[in-house]
PDB file of N, CA and C in Angstrom:
ATOM      1  N   MET A   1     120.371 114.594  97.209  1.00  0.00           N
ATOM      2  CA  MET A   1     119.150 114.036  96.699  1.00  0.00           C
ATOM      3  C   MET A   1     118.419 115.040  95.823  1.00  0.00           C
ATOM      4  N   LEU A   2     118.312 116.268  96.277  1.00  0.00           N
ATOM      5  CA  LEU A   2     117.600 117.281  95.515  1.00  0.00           C
ATOM      6  C   LEU A   2     118.279 117.513  94.181  1.00  0.00           C
ATOM      7  N   VAL A   3     119.606 117.481  94.161  1.00  0.00           N
ATOM      8  CA  VAL A   3     120.333 117.671  92.907  1.00  0.00           C
ATOM      9  C   VAL A   3     119.956 116.565  91.923  1.00  0.00           C
ATOM     10  N   ALA A   4     119.878 115.320  92.398  1.00  0.00           N
ATOM     11  CA  ALA A   4     119.497 114.209  91.517  1.00  0.00           C
ATOM     12  C   ALA A   4     118.081 114.391  90.997  1.00  0.00           C
ATOM     13  N   ALA A   5     117.178 114.845  91.858  1.00  0.00           N
ATOM     14  CA  ALA A   5     115.796 115.061  91.424  1.00  0.00           C
ATOM     15  C   ALA A   5     115.726 116.167  90.382  1.00  0.00           C
ATOM     16  N   LEU A   6     116.490 117.225  90.586  1.00  0.00           N
ATOM     17  CA  LEU A   6     116.497 118.312  89.610  1.00  0.00           C
ATOM     18  C   LEU A   6     117.118 117.855  88.299  1.00  0.00           C
ATOM     19  N   ALA A   7     118.160 117.050  88.375  1.00  0.00           N
ATOM     20  CA  ALA A   7     118.786 116.540  87.157  1.00  0.00           C
ATOM     21  C   ALA A   7     117.822 115.636  86.412  1.00  0.00           C
ATOM     22  N   ALA A   8     117.072 114.810  87.134  1.00  0.00           N
ATOM     23  CA  ALA A   8     116.098 113.934  86.483  1.00  0.00           C
ATOM     24  C   ALA A   8     115.027 114.759  85.791  1.00  0.00           C
ATOM     25  N   THR A   9     114.623 115.843  86.415  1.00  0.00           N
ATOM     26  CA  THR A   9     113.619 116.712  85.821  1.00  0.00           C
ATOM     27  C   THR A   9     114.159 117.357  84.559  1.00  0.00           C
ATOM     28  N   ALA A  10     115.392 117.809  84.593  1.00  0.00           N
ATOM     29  CA  ALA A  10     115.978 118.491  83.437  1.00  0.00           C
ATOM     30  C   ALA A  10     116.107 117.550  82.249  1.00  0.00           C
ATOM     31  N   CYS A  11     116.281 116.272  82.496  1.00  0.00           N
ATOM     32  CA  CYS A  11     116.488 115.306  81.414  1.00  0.00           C
ATOM     33  C   CYS A  11     115.199 114.637  80.968  1.00  0.00           C
ATOM     34  N   SER A  12     114.057 115.099  81.441  1.00  0.00           N
ATOM     35  CA  SER A  12     112.821 114.367  81.217  1.00  0.00           C
ATOM     36  C   SER A  12     112.091 114.736  79.948  1.00  0.00           C
ATOM     37  N   GLY A  13     112.603 115.635  79.159  1.00  0.00           N
ATOM     38  CA  GLY A  13     111.894 115.987  77.942  1.00  0.00           C
ATOM     39  C   GLY A  13     112.314 117.353  77.472  1.00  0.00           C
ATOM     40  N   HIS A  14     111.504 117.917  76.601  1.00  0.00           N
ATOM     41  CA  HIS A  14     111.856 119.186  75.998  1.00  0.00           C
ATOM     42  C   HIS A  14     111.166 120.369  76.651  1.00  0.00           C
ATOM     43  N   TYR A  15     110.353 120.135  77.666  1.00  0.00           N
ATOM     44  CA  TYR A  15     109.629 121.222  78.313  1.00  0.00           C
ATOM     45  C   TYR A  15     110.589 122.093  79.115  1.00  0.00           C
ATOM     46  N   ARG A  16     110.482 123.399  78.951  1.00  0.00           N
ATOM     47  CA  ARG A  16     111.306 124.337  79.706  1.00  0.00           C
ATOM     48  C   ARG A  16     110.406 125.458  80.200  1.00  0.00           C
ATOM     49  N   ALA A  17     110.306 125.574  81.518  1.00  0.00           N
ATOM     50  CA  ALA A  17     109.443 126.595  82.121  1.00  0.00           C
ATOM     51  C   ALA A  17     110.090 127.967  82.011  1.00  0.00           C
ATOM     52  N   GLY A  18     109.258 128.998  82.046  1.00  0.00           N
ATOM     53  CA  GLY A  18     109.717 130.380  81.946  1.00  0.00           C
ATOM     54  C   GLY A  18     110.363 130.889  83.220  1.00  0.00           C
ATOM     55  N   PRO A  19     110.726 132.189  83.249  1.00  0.00           N
ATOM     56  CA  PRO A  19     111.494 132.755  84.363  1.00  0.00           C
ATOM     57  C   PRO A  19     110.734 132.830  85.691  1.00  0.00           C
ATOM     58  N   HIS A  20     109.417 132.834  85.671  1.00  0.00           N
ATOM     59  CA  HIS A  20     108.647 132.904  86.924  1.00  0.00           C
ATOM     60  C   HIS A  20     107.928 131.593  87.189  1.00  0.00           C
ATOM     61  N   ALA A  21     108.609 130.512  86.904  1.00  0.00           N
ATOM     62  CA  ALA A  21     108.017 129.178  87.023  1.00  0.00           C
ATOM     63  C   ALA A  21     107.633 128.851  88.463  1.00  0.00           C
ATOM     64  N   ALA A  22     106.577 128.076  88.560  1.00  0.00           N
ATOM     65  CA  ALA A  22     106.200 127.477  89.838  1.00  0.00           C
ATOM     66  C   ALA A  22     107.021 126.198  90.002  1.00  0.00           C
ATOM     67  N   ARG A  23     107.120 125.717  91.222  1.00  0.00           N
ATOM     68  CA  ARG A  23     107.818 124.470  91.496  1.00  0.00           C
ATOM     69  C   ARG A  23     106.818 123.471  92.080  1.00  0.00           C
ATOM     70  N   LEU A  24     106.683 122.353  91.416  1.00  0.00           N
ATOM     71  CA  LEU A  24     105.870 121.264  91.944  1.00  0.00           C
ATOM     72  C   LEU A  24     106.832 120.295  92.615  1.00  0.00           C
ATOM     73  N   VAL A  25     106.691 120.135  93.907  1.00  0.00           N
ATOM     74  CA  VAL A  25     107.544 119.236  94.684  1.00  0.00           C
ATOM     75  C   VAL A  25     106.706 117.993  94.984  1.00  0.00           C
ATOM     76  N   VAL A  26     107.097 116.867  94.391  1.00  0.00           N
ATOM     77  CA  VAL A  26     106.360 115.615  94.540  1.00  0.00           C
ATOM     78  C   VAL A  26     107.164 114.693  95.443  1.00  0.00           C
ATOM     79  N   ARG A  27     106.510 114.156  96.455  1.00  0.00           N
ATOM     80  CA  ARG A  27     107.150 113.131  97.282  1.00  0.00           C
ATOM     81  C   ARG A  27     106.177 111.985  97.430  1.00  0.00           C
ATOM     82  N   GLN A  28     106.725 110.796  97.517  1.00  0.00           N
ATOM     83  CA  GLN A  28     105.889 109.603  97.592  1.00  0.00           C
ATOM     84  C   GLN A  28     106.131 108.887  98.896  1.00  0.00           C
ATOM     85  N   VAL A  29     105.046 108.498  99.551  1.00  0.00           N
ATOM     86  CA  VAL A  29     105.126 107.689 100.768  1.00  0.00           C
ATOM     87  C   VAL A  29     104.368 106.397 100.524  1.00  0.00           C
ATOM     88  N   ARG A  30     104.741 105.387 101.247  1.00  0.00           N
ATOM     89  CA  ARG A  30     104.136 104.073 101.060  1.00  0.00           C
ATOM     90  C   ARG A  30     103.063 103.825 102.099  1.00  0.00           C
ATOM     91  N   GLY A  31     101.920 103.334 101.644  1.00  0.00           N
ATOM     92  CA  GLY A  31     100.855 102.935 102.547  1.00  0.00           C
ATOM     93  C   GLY A  31     101.143 101.549 103.105  1.00  0.00           C
ATOM     94  N   PRO A  32     100.234 101.034 103.916  1.00  0.00           N
ATOM     95  CA  PRO A  32     100.449  99.702 104.502  1.00  0.00           C
ATOM     96  C   PRO A  32     100.351  98.610 103.439  1.00  0.00           C
ATOM     97  N   GLY A  33     100.963  97.493 103.729  1.00  0.00           N
ATOM     98  CA  GLY A  33     100.852  96.352 102.830  1.00  0.00           C
ATOM     99  C   GLY A  33     102.172  95.966 102.215  1.00  0.00           C
ATOM    100  N   PRO A  34     102.107  94.948 101.361  1.00  0.00           N
ATOM    101  CA  PRO A  34     103.328  94.414 100.746  1.00  0.00           C
ATOM    102  C   PRO A  34     103.920  95.374  99.716  1.00  0.00           C
ATOM    103  N   ILE A  35     105.184  95.132  99.409  1.00  0.00           N
ATOM    104  CA  ILE A  35     105.860  95.907  98.369  1.00  0.00           C
ATOM    105  C   ILE A  35     106.340  94.937  97.297  1.00  0.00           C
ATOM    106  N   PRO A  36     106.558  95.419  96.071  1.00  0.00           N
ATOM    107  CA  PRO A  36     107.036  94.528  95.014  1.00  0.00           C
ATOM    108  C   PRO A  36     108.378  93.899  95.389  1.00  0.00           C
ATOM    109  N   VAL A  37     108.489  92.592  95.228  1.00  0.00           N
ATOM    110  CA  VAL A  37     109.677  91.847  95.638  1.00  0.00           C
ATOM    111  C   VAL A  37     110.926  92.340  94.908  1.00  0.00           C
ATOM    112  N   GLU A  38     110.834  92.528  93.604  1.00  0.00           N
ATOM    113  CA  GLU A  38     111.999  92.959  92.818  1.00  0.00           C
ATOM    114  C   GLU A  38     112.171  94.469  92.806  1.00  0.00           C
ATOM    115  N   GLY A  39     111.236  95.195  93.382  1.00  0.00           N
ATOM    116  CA  GLY A  39     111.297  96.645  93.405  1.00  0.00           C
ATOM    117  C   GLY A  39     110.371  97.265  92.370  1.00  0.00           C
ATOM    118  N   ALA A  40     110.379  98.586  92.326  1.00  0.00           N
ATOM    119  CA  ALA A  40     109.536  99.320  91.380  1.00  0.00           C
ATOM    120  C   ALA A  40     110.104 100.722  91.211  1.00  0.00           C
ATOM    121  N   TYR A  41     109.827 101.319  90.069  1.00  0.00           N
ATOM    122  CA  TYR A  41     110.148 102.720  89.833  1.00  0.00           C
ATOM    123  C   TYR A  41     108.852 103.514  89.921  1.00  0.00           C
ATOM    124  N   SER A  42     108.960 104.709  90.471  1.00  0.00           N
ATOM    125  CA  SER A  42     107.811 105.595  90.632  1.00  0.00           C
ATOM    126  C   SER A  42     107.916 106.752  89.650  1.00  0.00           C
ATOM    127  N   TYR A  43     106.796 107.146  89.076  1.00  0.00           N
ATOM    128  CA  TYR A  43     106.770 108.199  88.060  1.00  0.00           C
ATOM    129  C   TYR A  43     105.728 109.257  88.399  1.00  0.00           C
ATOM    130  N   ALA A  44     105.996 110.471  87.944  1.00  0.00           N
ATOM    131  CA  ALA A  44     105.032 111.570  88.017  1.00  0.00           C
ATOM    132  C   ALA A  44     104.948 112.184  86.627  1.00  0.00           C
ATOM    133  N   ARG A  45     103.718 112.359  86.149  1.00  0.00           N
ATOM    134  CA  ARG A  45     103.498 113.012  84.863  1.00  0.00           C
ATOM    135  C   ARG A  45     102.582 114.201  85.095  1.00  0.00           C
ATOM    136  N   VAL A  46     102.908 115.325  84.483  1.00  0.00           N
ATOM    137  CA  VAL A  46     102.068 116.511  84.563  1.00  0.00           C
ATOM    138  C   VAL A  46     101.409 116.701  83.208  1.00  0.00           C
ATOM    139  N   GLU A  47     100.080 116.866  83.226  1.00  0.00           N
ATOM    140  CA  GLU A  47      99.322 117.050  81.996  1.00  0.00           C
ATOM    141  C   GLU A  47      98.579 118.379  82.041  1.00  0.00           C
ATOM    142  N   ARG A  48      98.352 118.894  80.840  1.00  0.00           N
ATOM    143  CA  ARG A  48      97.510 120.095  80.680  1.00  0.00           C
ATOM    144  C   ARG A  48      96.608 119.816  79.494  1.00  0.00           C
ATOM    145  N   ASP A  49      95.298 119.983  79.698  1.00  0.00           N
ATOM    146  CA  ASP A  49      94.312 119.721  78.641  1.00  0.00           C
ATOM    147  C   ASP A  49      94.457 118.312  78.071  1.00  0.00           C
ATOM    148  N   GLY A  50      94.766 117.341  78.944  1.00  0.00           N
ATOM    149  CA  GLY A  50      94.852 115.952  78.530  1.00  0.00           C
ATOM    150  C   GLY A  50      96.134 115.564  77.808  1.00  0.00           C
ATOM    151  N   LYS A  51      97.066 116.497  77.690  1.00  0.00           N
ATOM    152  CA  LYS A  51      98.328 116.210  77.001  1.00  0.00           C
ATOM    153  C   LYS A  51      99.492 116.290  77.980  1.00  0.00           C
ATOM    154  N   LYS A  52     100.465 115.396  77.787  1.00  0.00           N
ATOM    155  CA  LYS A  52     101.632 115.372  78.668  1.00  0.00           C
ATOM    156  C   LYS A  52     102.451 116.642  78.498  1.00  0.00           C
ATOM    157  N   VAL A  53     102.773 117.275  79.627  1.00  0.00           N
ATOM    158  CA  VAL A  53     103.687 118.416  79.648  1.00  0.00           C
ATOM    159  C   VAL A  53     105.092 117.908  79.939  1.00  0.00           C
ATOM    160  N   VAL A  54     105.198 117.098  80.986  1.00  0.00           N
ATOM    161  CA  VAL A  54     106.484 116.545  81.397  1.00  0.00           C
ATOM    162  C   VAL A  54     106.238 115.275  82.201  1.00  0.00           C
ATOM    163  N   GLN A  55     107.177 114.341  82.122  1.00  0.00           N
ATOM    164  CA  GLN A  55     107.105 113.114  82.913  1.00  0.00           C
ATOM    165  C   GLN A  55     108.494 112.849  83.481  1.00  0.00           C
ATOM    166  N   VAL A  56     108.545 112.497  84.770  1.00  0.00           N
ATOM    167  CA  VAL A  56     109.821 112.216  85.427  1.00  0.00           C
ATOM    168  C   VAL A  56     109.717 110.927  86.230  1.00  0.00           C
ATOM    169  N   ARG A  57     110.859 110.288  86.402  1.00  0.00           N
ATOM    170  CA  ARG A  57     110.953 109.179  87.338  1.00  0.00           C
ATOM    171  C   ARG A  57     111.417 109.774  88.653  1.00  0.00           C
ATOM    172  N   LEU A  58     110.723 109.456  89.728  1.00  0.00           N
ATOM    173  CA  LEU A  58     111.105 109.967  91.034  1.00  0.00           C
ATOM    174  C   LEU A  58     112.443 109.384  91.451  1.00  0.00           C
ATOM    175  N   SER A  59     113.139 110.086  92.315  1.00  0.00           N
ATOM    176  CA  SER A  59     114.443 109.631  92.790  1.00  0.00           C
ATOM    177  C   SER A  59     114.308 108.264  93.449  1.00  0.00           C
ATOM    178  N   ALA A  60     115.414 107.570  93.556  1.00  0.00           N
ATOM    179  CA  ALA A  60     115.429 106.243  94.174  1.00  0.00           C
ATOM    180  C   ALA A  60     115.724 106.326  95.671  1.00  0.00           C
ATOM    181  N   ALA A  61     115.466 107.472  96.272  1.00  0.00           N
ATOM    182  CA  ALA A  61     115.722 107.670  97.695  1.00  0.00           C
ATOM    183  C   ALA A  61     114.708 106.886  98.535  1.00  0.00           C
ATOM    184  N   PHE A  62     114.953 106.811  99.842  1.00  0.00           N
ATOM    185  CA  PHE A  62     114.028 106.145 100.760  1.00  0.00           C
ATOM    186  C   PHE A  62     112.632 106.753 100.618  1.00  0.00           C
ATOM    187  N   VAL A  63     112.560 108.067 100.486  1.00  0.00           N
ATOM    188  CA  VAL A  63     111.310 108.767 100.187  1.00  0.00           C
ATOM    189  C   VAL A  63     111.474 109.340  98.776  1.00  0.00           C
ATOM    190  N   PRO A  64     110.953 108.639  97.769  1.00  0.00           N
ATOM    191  CA  PRO A  64     111.124 109.107  96.384  1.00  0.00           C
ATOM    192  C   PRO A  64     110.540 110.502  96.201  1.00  0.00           C
ATOM    193  N   ARG A  65     111.237 111.326  95.413  1.00  0.00           N
ATOM    194  CA  ARG A  65     110.771 112.694  95.185  1.00  0.00           C
ATOM    195  C   ARG A  65     111.304 113.251  93.888  1.00  0.00           C
ATOM    196  N   ALA A  66     110.704 114.371  93.489  1.00  0.00           N
ATOM    197  CA  ALA A  66     111.157 115.105  92.303  1.00  0.00           C
ATOM    198  C   ALA A  66     110.684 116.542  92.429  1.00  0.00           C
ATOM    199  N   VAL A  67     111.383 117.438  91.775  1.00  0.00           N
ATOM    200  CA  VAL A  67     110.992 118.847  91.685  1.00  0.00           C
ATOM    201  C   VAL A  67     110.795 119.144  90.201  1.00  0.00           C
ATOM    202  N   ILE A  68     109.616 119.646  89.869  1.00  0.00           N
ATOM    203  CA  ILE A  68     109.270 119.918  88.481  1.00  0.00           C
ATOM    204  C   ILE A  68     108.917 121.395  88.359  1.00  0.00           C
ATOM    205  N   ARG A  69     109.586 122.096  87.451  1.00  0.00           N
ATOM    206  CA  ARG A  69     109.292 123.511  87.197  1.00  0.00           C
ATOM    207  C   ARG A  69     108.215 123.616  86.131  1.00  0.00           C
ATOM    208  N   LEU A  70     107.206 124.452  86.406  1.00  0.00           N
ATOM    209  CA  LEU A  70     106.066 124.602  85.503  1.00  0.00           C
ATOM    210  C   LEU A  70     105.706 126.064  85.337  1.00  0.00           C
ATOM    211  N   ASP A  71     105.238 126.414  84.159  1.00  0.00           N
ATOM    212  CA  ASP A  71     104.670 127.748  83.978  1.00  0.00           C
ATOM    213  C   ASP A  71     103.381 127.829  84.787  1.00  0.00           C
ATOM    214  N   PRO A  72     103.003 129.029  85.234  1.00  0.00           N
ATOM    215  CA  PRO A  72     101.747 129.179  85.977  1.00  0.00           C
ATOM    216  C   PRO A  72     100.570 128.629  85.164  1.00  0.00           C
ATOM    217  N   GLY A  73      99.601 128.034  85.865  1.00  0.00           N
ATOM    218  CA  GLY A  73      98.417 127.528  85.175  1.00  0.00           C
ATOM    219  C   GLY A  73      97.788 126.366  85.900  1.00  0.00           C
ATOM    220  N   SER A  74      96.826 125.747  85.234  1.00  0.00           N
ATOM    221  CA  SER A  74      96.095 124.597  85.770  1.00  0.00           C
ATOM    222  C   SER A  74      96.630 123.327  85.116  1.00  0.00           C
ATOM    223  N   TYR A  75      96.817 122.295  85.935  1.00  0.00           N
ATOM    224  CA  TYR A  75      97.416 121.048  85.486  1.00  0.00           C
ATOM    225  C   TYR A  75      96.729 119.859  86.143  1.00  0.00           C
ATOM    226  N   ARG A  76      97.156 118.675  85.747  1.00  0.00           N
ATOM    227  CA  ARG A  76      96.766 117.422  86.393  1.00  0.00           C
ATOM    228  C   ARG A  76      98.051 116.639  86.665  1.00  0.00           C
ATOM    229  N   LEU A  77      98.210 116.208  87.908  1.00  0.00           N
ATOM    230  CA  LEU A  77      99.339 115.361  88.287  1.00  0.00           C
ATOM    231  C   LEU A  77      98.884 113.909  88.210  1.00  0.00           C
ATOM    232  N   VAL A  78      99.637 113.094  87.491  1.00  0.00           N
ATOM    233  CA  VAL A  78      99.367 111.669  87.355  1.00  0.00           C
ATOM    234  C   VAL A  78     100.545 110.925  87.983  1.00  0.00           C
ATOM    235  N   SER A  79     100.242 109.987  88.856  1.00  0.00           N
ATOM    236  CA  SER A  79     101.276 109.172  89.486  1.00  0.00           C
ATOM    237  C   SER A  79     101.053 107.718  89.092  1.00  0.00           C
ATOM    238  N   PHE A  80     102.156 106.985  88.862  1.00  0.00           N
ATOM    239  CA  PHE A  80     102.044 105.554  88.592  1.00  0.00           C
ATOM    240  C   PHE A  80     103.365 104.877  88.931  1.00  0.00           C
ATOM    241  N   GLN A  81     103.282 103.560  89.042  1.00  0.00           N
ATOM    242  CA  GLN A  81     104.434 102.721  89.364  1.00  0.00           C
ATOM    243  C   GLN A  81     104.696 101.787  88.199  1.00  0.00           C
ATOM    244  N   ARG A  82     105.954 101.360  88.056  1.00  0.00           N
ATOM    245  CA  ARG A  82     106.300 100.290  87.110  1.00  0.00           C
ATOM    246  C   ARG A  82     107.144  99.289  87.884  1.00  0.00           C
ATOM    247  N   ASP A  83     106.544  98.145  88.157  1.00  0.00           N
ATOM    248  CA  ASP A  83     107.233  97.096  88.908  1.00  0.00           C
ATOM    249  C   ASP A  83     108.366  96.505  88.084  1.00  0.00           C
ATOM    250  N   CYS A  84     109.421  96.112  88.772  1.00  0.00           N
ATOM    251  CA  CYS A  84     110.534  95.417  88.132  1.00  0.00           C
ATOM    252  C   CYS A  84     110.139  93.952  87.960  1.00  0.00           C
ATOM    253  N   ASN A  85     110.323  93.432  86.753  1.00  0.00           N
ATOM    254  CA  ASN A  85     109.991  92.036  86.458  1.00  0.00           C
ATOM    255  C   ASN A  85     111.279  91.215  86.408  1.00  0.00           C
ATOM    256  N   GLY A  86     111.631  90.617  87.539  1.00  0.00           N
ATOM    257  CA  GLY A  86     112.883  89.866  87.634  1.00  0.00           C
ATOM    258  C   GLY A  86     114.036  90.775  87.991  1.00  0.00           C
ATOM    259  N   ASN A  87     114.180  91.876  87.267  1.00  0.00           N
ATOM    260  CA  ASN A  87     115.139  92.935  87.610  1.00  0.00           C
ATOM    261  C   ASN A  87     114.595  94.230  87.007  1.00  0.00           C
ATOM    262  N   CYS A  88     115.238  95.309  87.317  1.00  0.00           N
ATOM    263  CA  CYS A  88     114.687  96.603  86.899  1.00  0.00           C
ATOM    264  C   CYS A  88     115.087  97.021  85.490  1.00  0.00           C
ATOM    265  N   HIS A  89     115.700  96.103  84.729  1.00  0.00           N
ATOM    266  CA  HIS A  89     115.932  96.371  83.307  1.00  0.00           C
ATOM    267  C   HIS A  89     114.708  95.989  82.497  1.00  0.00           C
ATOM    268  N   LEU A  90     113.806  95.228  83.102  1.00  0.00           N
ATOM    269  CA  LEU A  90     112.555  94.828  82.465  1.00  0.00           C
ATOM    270  C   LEU A  90     111.415  95.287  83.365  1.00  0.00           C
ATOM    271  N   LEU A  91     110.686  96.310  82.929  1.00  0.00           N
ATOM    272  CA  LEU A  91     109.627  96.899  83.753  1.00  0.00           C
ATOM    273  C   LEU A  91     108.252  96.443  83.294  1.00  0.00           C
ATOM    274  N   GLY A  92     107.374  96.269  84.269  1.00  0.00           N
ATOM    275  CA  GLY A  92     105.987  95.947  83.974  1.00  0.00           C
ATOM    276  C   GLY A  92     105.244  97.196  83.516  1.00  0.00           C
ATOM    277  N   PRO A  93     103.990  97.038  83.115  1.00  0.00           N
ATOM    278  CA  PRO A  93     103.192  98.187  82.671  1.00  0.00           C
ATOM    279  C   PRO A  93     102.871  99.108  83.851  1.00  0.00           C
ATOM    280  N   PRO A  94     102.478 100.341  83.572  1.00  0.00           N
ATOM    281  CA  PRO A  94     102.093 101.248  84.659  1.00  0.00           C
ATOM    282  C   PRO A  94     100.982 100.639  85.514  1.00  0.00           C
ATOM    283  N   SER A  95     101.110 100.799  86.818  1.00  0.00           N
ATOM    284  CA  SER A  95     100.115 100.280  87.764  1.00  0.00           C
ATOM    285  C   SER A  95      99.971 101.256  88.927  1.00  0.00           C
ATOM    286  N   ASP A  96      99.016 100.952  89.786  1.00  0.00           N
ATOM    287  CA  ASP A  96      98.759 101.761  90.985  1.00  0.00           C
ATOM    288  C   ASP A  96      98.688 103.246  90.633  1.00  0.00           C
ATOM    289  N   LYS A  97      97.874 103.563  89.634  1.00  0.00           N
ATOM    290  CA  LYS A  97      97.753 104.928  89.118  1.00  0.00           C
ATOM    291  C   LYS A  97      96.752 105.745  89.924  1.00  0.00           C
ATOM    292  N   CYS A  98      97.001 107.038  89.951  1.00  0.00           N
ATOM    293  CA  CYS A  98      96.035 108.000  90.468  1.00  0.00           C
ATOM    294  C   CYS A  98      96.353 109.347  89.841  1.00  0.00           C
ATOM    295  N   ASN A  99      95.411 110.273  89.921  1.00  0.00           N
ATOM    296  CA  ASN A  99      95.651 111.612  89.377  1.00  0.00           C
ATOM    297  C   ASN A  99      94.784 112.622  90.105  1.00  0.00           C
ATOM    298  N   ARG A 100      95.214 113.865  90.042  1.00  0.00           N
ATOM    299  CA  ARG A 100      94.468 114.937  90.697  1.00  0.00           C
ATOM    300  C   ARG A 100      94.852 116.271  90.071  1.00  0.00           C
ATOM    301  N   ALA A 101      93.862 117.133  89.922  1.00  0.00           N
ATOM    302  CA  ALA A 101      94.074 118.460  89.340  1.00  0.00           C
ATOM    303  C   ALA A 101      94.696 119.396  90.374  1.00  0.00           C
ATOM    304  N   PHE A 102      95.461 120.375  89.886  1.00  0.00           N
ATOM    305  CA  PHE A 102      96.031 121.401  90.751  1.00  0.00           C
ATOM    306  C   PHE A 102      96.317 122.641  89.918  1.00  0.00           C
ATOM    307  N   SER A 103      96.523 123.743  90.604  1.00  0.00           N
ATOM    308  CA  SER A 103      96.914 124.999  89.956  1.00  0.00           C
ATOM    309  C   SER A 103      98.208 125.483  90.568  1.00  0.00           C
ATOM    310  N   ALA A 104      98.982 126.176  89.761  1.00  0.00           N
ATOM    311  CA  ALA A 104     100.265 126.710  90.224  1.00  0.00           C
ATOM    312  C   ALA A 104     100.367 128.167  89.805  1.00  0.00           C
ATOM    313  N   ARG A 105     100.771 129.015  90.732  1.00  0.00           N
ATOM    314  CA  ARG A 105     100.974 130.437  90.447  1.00  0.00           C
ATOM    315  C   ARG A 105     102.462 130.726  90.270  1.00  0.00           C
ATOM    316  N   ALA A 106     102.753 131.834  89.650  1.00  0.00           N
ATOM    317  CA  ALA A 106     104.139 132.240  89.410  1.00  0.00           C
ATOM    318  C   ALA A 106     104.927 132.238  90.717  1.00  0.00           C
ATOM    319  N   ASP A 107     106.128 131.705  90.684  1.00  0.00           N
ATOM    320  CA  ASP A 107     107.073 131.680  91.810  1.00  0.00           C
ATOM    321  C   ASP A 107     106.549 130.938  93.037  1.00  0.00           C
ATOM    322  N   GLU A 108     105.523 130.137  92.883  1.00  0.00           N
ATOM    323  CA  GLU A 108     104.928 129.398  93.990  1.00  0.00           C
ATOM    324  C   GLU A 108     105.512 127.993  94.067  1.00  0.00           C
ATOM    325  N   SER A 109     105.583 127.436  95.278  1.00  0.00           N
ATOM    326  CA  SER A 109     105.922 126.023  95.458  1.00  0.00           C
ATOM    327  C   SER A 109     104.646 125.278  95.822  1.00  0.00           C
ATOM    328  N   VAL A 110     104.309 124.278  95.032  1.00  0.00           N
ATOM    329  CA  VAL A 110     103.159 123.419  95.287  1.00  0.00           C
ATOM    330  C   VAL A 110     103.716 122.081  95.751  1.00  0.00           C
ATOM    331  N   ARG A 111     103.254 121.601  96.893  1.00  0.00           N
ATOM    332  CA  ARG A 111     103.753 120.349  97.438  1.00  0.00           C
ATOM    333  C   ARG A 111     102.693 119.266  97.287  1.00  0.00           C
ATOM    334  N   ALA A 112     103.083 118.174  96.635  1.00  0.00           N
ATOM    335  CA  ALA A 112     102.187 117.038  96.425  1.00  0.00           C
ATOM    336  C   ALA A 112     102.755 115.826  97.146  1.00  0.00           C
ATOM    337  N   THR A 113     101.893 115.119  97.851  1.00  0.00           N
ATOM    338  CA  THR A 113     102.270 113.854  98.473  1.00  0.00           C
ATOM    339  C   THR A 113     101.440 112.763  97.824  1.00  0.00           C
ATOM    340  N   VAL A 114     102.128 111.751  97.312  1.00  0.00           N
ATOM    341  CA  VAL A 114     101.480 110.592  96.704  1.00  0.00           C
ATOM    342  C   VAL A 114     101.609 109.450  97.700  1.00  0.00           C
ATOM    343  N   ARG A 115     100.475 108.920  98.149  1.00  0.00           N
ATOM    344  CA  ARG A 115     100.491 107.770  99.060  1.00  0.00           C
ATOM    345  C   ARG A 115     100.139 106.536  98.235  1.00  0.00           C
ATOM    346  N   VAL A 116     101.128 105.648  98.068  1.00  0.00           N
ATOM    347  CA  VAL A 116     100.960 104.444  97.258  1.00  0.00           C
ATOM    348  C   VAL A 116     100.746 103.247  98.165  1.00  0.00           C
ATOM    349  N   THR A 117      99.716 102.469  97.854  1.00  0.00           N
ATOM    350  CA  THR A 117      99.519 101.164  98.471  1.00  0.00           C
ATOM    351  C   THR A 117      99.587 100.167  97.323  1.00  0.00           C
ATOM    352  N   TYR A 118     100.723  99.501  97.217  1.00  0.00           N
ATOM    353  CA  TYR A 118     100.962  98.611  96.081  1.00  0.00           C
ATOM    354  C   TYR A 118      99.854  97.581  95.942  1.00  0.00           C
ATOM    355  N   GLY A 119      99.370  97.434  94.723  1.00  0.00           N
ATOM    356  CA  GLY A 119      98.312  96.480  94.431  1.00  0.00           C
ATOM    357  C   GLY A 119      96.917  97.047  94.536  1.00  0.00           C
ATOM    358  N   THR A 120      96.766  98.234  95.149  1.00  0.00           N
ATOM    359  CA  THR A 120      95.426  98.817  95.284  1.00  0.00           C
ATOM    360  C   THR A 120      95.341 100.260  94.800  1.00  0.00           C
ATOM    361  N   GLY A 121      96.465 100.881  94.443  1.00  0.00           N
ATOM    362  CA  GLY A 121      96.403 102.236  93.899  1.00  0.00           C
ATOM    363  C   GLY A 121      97.122 103.269  94.731  1.00  0.00           C
ATOM    364  N   CYS A 122      96.764 104.512  94.497  1.00  0.00           N
ATOM    365  CA  CYS A 122      97.400 105.611  95.219  1.00  0.00           C
ATOM    366  C   CYS A 122      96.414 106.754  95.400  1.00  0.00           C
ATOM    367  N   ARG A 123      96.843 107.736  96.183  1.00  0.00           N
ATOM    368  CA  ARG A 123      96.046 108.920  96.468  1.00  0.00           C
ATOM    369  C   ARG A 123      96.990 110.113  96.521  1.00  0.00           C
ATOM    370  N   ILE A 124      96.581 111.244  95.939  1.00  0.00           N
ATOM    371  CA  ILE A 124      97.414 112.447  95.907  1.00  0.00           C
ATOM    372  C   ILE A 124      96.779 113.520  96.763  1.00  0.00           C
ATOM    373  N   SER A 125      97.594 114.167  97.589  1.00  0.00           N
ATOM    374  CA  SER A 125      97.129 115.336  98.353  1.00  0.00           C
ATOM    375  C   SER A 125      98.094 116.496  98.109  1.00  0.00           C
ATOM    376  N   PHE A 126      97.545 117.708  98.151  1.00  0.00           N
ATOM    377  CA  PHE A 126      98.346 118.921  97.941  1.00  0.00           C
ATOM    378  C   PHE A 126      98.287 119.767  99.199  1.00  0.00           C
ATOM    379  N   ARG A 127      99.370 120.534  99.385  1.00  0.00           N
ATOM    380  CA  ARG A 127      99.371 121.552 100.438  1.00  0.00           C
ATOM    381  C   ARG A 127     100.218 122.703  99.993  1.00  0.00           C
TER     382      ARG A 127
END
């Protein structure tokens, strides 16, 4: 699973962190309530100064996750879902969004948990 998450991160754009990169470990858990009938894809986007640094689709595991390497600094983590419309080749617009600021130091692992309650949004916590 971790290999797939790392591969997804590597293919997510042109951003390449330096040699003392921090690791942002994002995992998503589901809150109470219904889930999308056709399914949904979960995404994490990291922004700095309002601009996208990197965006990844979380793994399709039972507990979706991703590992994102970042240069040290201050960022904002944005989480959102895209529901499958009939099937997952046709995705709906981003929904159940939330975001939260965080800082990462060199060689540090920052752990983020996104709690999604479909239809009402999400909440991000760090440890």
